[in-house]
Amino acid sequence: MSKYDYETAYEKLEEIMKKLEEGSIPLEESLKLYEEGIKMYRICSGLLEKAQLKITKLVDKDGVLVEENFNVQED
């Protein structure tokens, strides 16, 4: 399990992206930041996938509210 929650990992990813976009960092440090950015991206993606699996919706079926999984339709 990751020590990061979504918000923390996302903020860290944003910081890394800003540093890389500046372009004034030595190559070795840029590579380390890139690797850390990939790690943060994967953490964020994994946490979003888990959250998506938990999302449900209430549907009215003949006057009774029923809980169903919320399916996102992909194009």
N, C-alpha and C. Protein backbone atom coordinates (compact mmCIF):
# COMPACT_ATOMS: atom_id res chain seq x y z
N MET A 1 0.84 -1.18 0.00
CA MET A 1 0.00 0.00 0.00
C MET A 1 0.89 1.24 0.00
N SER A 2 0.48 2.23 -0.73
CA SER A 2 1.25 3.45 -0.88
C SER A 2 1.14 4.33 0.36
N LYS A 3 2.21 5.04 0.65
CA LYS A 3 2.16 5.99 1.77
C LYS A 3 1.52 7.31 1.35
N TYR A 4 1.20 7.43 0.08
CA TYR A 4 0.61 8.65 -0.46
C TYR A 4 -0.89 8.51 -0.63
N ASP A 5 -1.62 9.58 -0.30
CA ASP A 5 -3.01 9.64 -0.71
C ASP A 5 -3.03 10.33 -2.08
N TYR A 6 -4.20 10.38 -2.71
CA TYR A 6 -4.29 10.91 -4.06
C TYR A 6 -3.81 12.36 -4.13
N GLU A 7 -4.30 13.19 -3.23
CA GLU A 7 -3.98 14.61 -3.27
C GLU A 7 -2.48 14.85 -3.12
N THR A 8 -1.85 14.14 -2.20
CA THR A 8 -0.42 14.30 -1.98
C THR A 8 0.38 13.86 -3.19
N ALA A 9 0.02 12.71 -3.76
CA ALA A 9 0.73 12.21 -4.94
C ALA A 9 0.54 13.15 -6.12
N TYR A 10 -0.66 13.70 -6.28
CA TYR A 10 -0.94 14.61 -7.39
C TYR A 10 -0.15 15.91 -7.24
N GLU A 11 -0.11 16.44 -6.02
CA GLU A 11 0.68 17.66 -5.78
C GLU A 11 2.15 17.42 -6.07
N LYS A 12 2.66 16.29 -5.65
CA LYS A 12 4.06 15.93 -5.89
C LYS A 12 4.31 15.83 -7.40
N LEU A 13 3.39 15.21 -8.12
CA LEU A 13 3.51 15.09 -9.56
C LEU A 13 3.53 16.46 -10.23
N GLU A 14 2.67 17.36 -9.77
CA GLU A 14 2.65 18.72 -10.33
C GLU A 14 3.98 19.44 -10.09
N GLU A 15 4.53 19.29 -8.89
CA GLU A 15 5.83 19.91 -8.57
C GLU A 15 6.92 19.39 -9.51
N ILE A 16 6.92 18.10 -9.72
CA ILE A 16 7.92 17.47 -10.59
C ILE A 16 7.77 17.98 -12.01
N MET A 17 6.54 18.06 -12.49
CA MET A 17 6.30 18.53 -13.86
C MET A 17 6.80 19.97 -14.04
N LYS A 18 6.54 20.82 -13.04
CA LYS A 18 6.99 22.21 -13.13
C LYS A 18 8.51 22.28 -13.21
N LYS A 19 9.18 21.49 -12.38
CA LYS A 19 10.64 21.49 -12.39
C LYS A 19 11.18 21.01 -13.73
N LEU A 20 10.58 19.97 -14.27
CA LEU A 20 11.05 19.44 -15.56
C LEU A 20 10.78 20.41 -16.69
N GLU A 21 9.65 21.12 -16.62
CA GLU A 21 9.31 22.07 -17.68
C GLU A 21 10.25 23.27 -17.69
N GLU A 22 10.82 23.62 -16.54
CA GLU A 22 11.77 24.73 -16.48
C GLU A 22 12.99 24.47 -17.36
N GLY A 23 13.41 23.22 -17.42
CA GLY A 23 14.50 22.84 -18.30
C GLY A 23 15.89 23.24 -17.83
N SER A 24 16.02 23.75 -16.63
CA SER A 24 17.33 24.19 -16.15
C SER A 24 17.98 23.19 -15.20
N ILE A 25 17.43 22.00 -15.11
CA ILE A 25 17.94 20.97 -14.21
C ILE A 25 18.92 20.08 -14.96
N PRO A 26 20.01 19.69 -14.31
CA PRO A 26 20.97 18.78 -14.95
C PRO A 26 20.30 17.46 -15.35
N LEU A 27 20.83 16.83 -16.35
CA LEU A 27 20.25 15.60 -16.90
C LEU A 27 20.03 14.53 -15.84
N GLU A 28 21.01 14.28 -15.01
CA GLU A 28 20.89 13.23 -13.99
C GLU A 28 19.71 13.50 -13.04
N GLU A 29 19.57 14.74 -12.61
CA GLU A 29 18.46 15.09 -11.73
C GLU A 29 17.13 15.01 -12.48
N SER A 30 17.13 15.38 -13.75
CA SER A 30 15.91 15.29 -14.56
C SER A 30 15.44 13.85 -14.67
N LEU A 31 16.38 12.92 -14.85
CA LEU A 31 16.02 11.50 -14.95
C LEU A 31 15.42 11.00 -13.64
N LYS A 32 16.00 11.42 -12.51
CA LYS A 32 15.46 11.01 -11.21
C LYS A 32 14.06 11.57 -11.01
N LEU A 33 13.88 12.83 -11.37
CA LEU A 33 12.56 13.45 -11.25
C LEU A 33 11.54 12.76 -12.16
N TYR A 34 11.98 12.41 -13.37
CA TYR A 34 11.09 11.73 -14.31
C TYR A 34 10.63 10.39 -13.72
N GLU A 35 11.57 9.63 -13.16
CA GLU A 35 11.23 8.34 -12.56
C GLU A 35 10.26 8.52 -11.38
N GLU A 36 10.50 9.54 -10.57
CA GLU A 36 9.61 9.81 -9.45
C GLU A 36 8.23 10.25 -9.95
N GLY A 37 8.21 11.02 -11.03
CA GLY A 37 6.95 11.45 -11.62
C GLY A 37 6.13 10.27 -12.13
N ILE A 38 6.80 9.32 -12.75
CA ILE A 38 6.10 8.11 -13.21
C ILE A 38 5.51 7.36 -12.02
N LYS A 39 6.27 7.28 -10.94
CA LYS A 39 5.77 6.61 -9.73
C LYS A 39 4.53 7.32 -9.21
N MET A 40 4.56 8.65 -9.14
CA MET A 40 3.41 9.42 -8.65
C MET A 40 2.20 9.25 -9.58
N TYR A 41 2.46 9.23 -10.88
CA TYR A 41 1.39 9.02 -11.86
C TYR A 41 0.72 7.67 -11.63
N ARG A 42 1.52 6.64 -11.42
CA ARG A 42 0.96 5.29 -11.21
C ARG A 42 0.16 5.22 -9.92
N ILE A 43 0.65 5.90 -8.88
CA ILE A 43 -0.10 5.93 -7.62
C ILE A 43 -1.45 6.60 -7.84
N CYS A 44 -1.44 7.76 -8.51
CA CYS A 44 -2.70 8.47 -8.79
C CYS A 44 -3.65 7.62 -9.61
N SER A 45 -3.14 7.00 -10.65
CA SER A 45 -3.98 6.16 -11.51
C SER A 45 -4.58 5.00 -10.73
N GLY A 46 -3.77 4.35 -9.92
CA GLY A 46 -4.26 3.23 -9.12
C GLY A 46 -5.34 3.64 -8.14
N LEU A 47 -5.13 4.78 -7.49
CA LEU A 47 -6.12 5.26 -6.53
C LEU A 47 -7.42 5.66 -7.23
N LEU A 48 -7.32 6.24 -8.40
CA LEU A 48 -8.53 6.59 -9.16
C LEU A 48 -9.29 5.35 -9.60
N GLU A 49 -8.57 4.32 -10.01
CA GLU A 49 -9.22 3.06 -10.41
C GLU A 49 -9.97 2.46 -9.22
N LYS A 50 -9.34 2.46 -8.05
CA LYS A 50 -10.00 1.92 -6.86
C LYS A 50 -11.25 2.73 -6.53
N ALA A 51 -11.14 4.04 -6.62
CA ALA A 51 -12.30 4.90 -6.33
C ALA A 51 -13.43 4.63 -7.32
N GLN A 52 -13.09 4.44 -8.58
CA GLN A 52 -14.10 4.21 -9.60
C GLN A 52 -14.86 2.91 -9.31
N LEU A 53 -14.18 1.92 -8.78
CA LEU A 53 -14.84 0.66 -8.47
C LEU A 53 -15.83 0.81 -7.31
N LYS A 54 -15.64 1.81 -6.47
CA LYS A 54 -16.50 2.02 -5.32
C LYS A 54 -17.73 2.86 -5.63
N ILE A 55 -17.73 3.53 -6.76
CA ILE A 55 -18.83 4.44 -7.08
C ILE A 55 -20.08 3.64 -7.42
N THR A 56 -21.18 4.03 -6.79
CA THR A 56 -22.46 3.39 -7.07
C THR A 56 -23.49 4.48 -7.33
N LYS A 57 -24.61 4.09 -7.86
CA LYS A 57 -25.69 5.04 -8.10
C LYS A 57 -26.99 4.44 -7.59
N LEU A 58 -27.92 5.32 -7.26
CA LEU A 58 -29.24 4.88 -6.83
C LEU A 58 -30.18 4.95 -8.03
N VAL A 59 -30.90 3.88 -8.25
CA VAL A 59 -31.81 3.78 -9.39
C VAL A 59 -33.21 3.48 -8.87
N ASP A 60 -34.18 4.18 -9.43
CA ASP A 60 -35.57 3.96 -9.06
C ASP A 60 -36.12 2.80 -9.89
N LYS A 61 -36.40 1.70 -9.22
CA LYS A 61 -36.99 0.54 -9.90
C LYS A 61 -38.36 0.28 -9.29
N ASP A 62 -39.37 0.68 -10.02
CA ASP A 62 -40.76 0.49 -9.57
C ASP A 62 -41.00 1.09 -8.19
N GLY A 63 -40.51 2.31 -7.97
CA GLY A 63 -40.74 3.00 -6.71
C GLY A 63 -39.80 2.63 -5.58
N VAL A 64 -38.85 1.75 -5.85
CA VAL A 64 -37.88 1.33 -4.84
C VAL A 64 -36.50 1.77 -5.28
N LEU A 65 -35.78 2.43 -4.37
CA LEU A 65 -34.41 2.83 -4.70
C LEU A 65 -33.48 1.63 -4.55
N VAL A 66 -32.74 1.35 -5.60
CA VAL A 66 -31.82 0.22 -5.62
C VAL A 66 -30.43 0.75 -5.93
N GLU A 67 -29.43 0.22 -5.24
CA GLU A 67 -28.05 0.63 -5.47
C GLU A 67 -27.44 -0.26 -6.55
N GLU A 68 -26.86 0.38 -7.58
CA GLU A 68 -26.19 -0.35 -8.66
C GLU A 68 -24.79 0.21 -8.86
N ASN A 69 -23.93 -0.60 -9.46
CA ASN A 69 -22.61 -0.10 -9.80
C ASN A 69 -22.74 0.96 -10.87
N PHE A 70 -21.90 1.96 -10.77
CA PHE A 70 -21.88 3.04 -11.75
C PHE A 70 -20.86 2.70 -12.81
N ASN A 71 -21.30 2.47 -14.02
CA ASN A 71 -20.40 2.11 -15.10
C ASN A 71 -20.14 3.31 -15.99
N VAL A 72 -18.89 3.64 -16.16
CA VAL A 72 -18.51 4.73 -17.03
C VAL A 72 -18.37 4.17 -18.44
N GLN A 73 -19.06 4.77 -19.39
CA GLN A 73 -18.96 4.30 -20.76
C GLN A 73 -17.76 4.96 -21.44
N GLU A 74 -16.92 4.12 -22.02
CA GLU A 74 -15.75 4.63 -22.71
C GLU A 74 -16.06 4.74 -24.19
N ASP A 75 -15.49 5.76 -24.82
CA ASP A 75 -15.70 5.95 -26.26
C ASP A 75 -14.84 5.00 -27.06
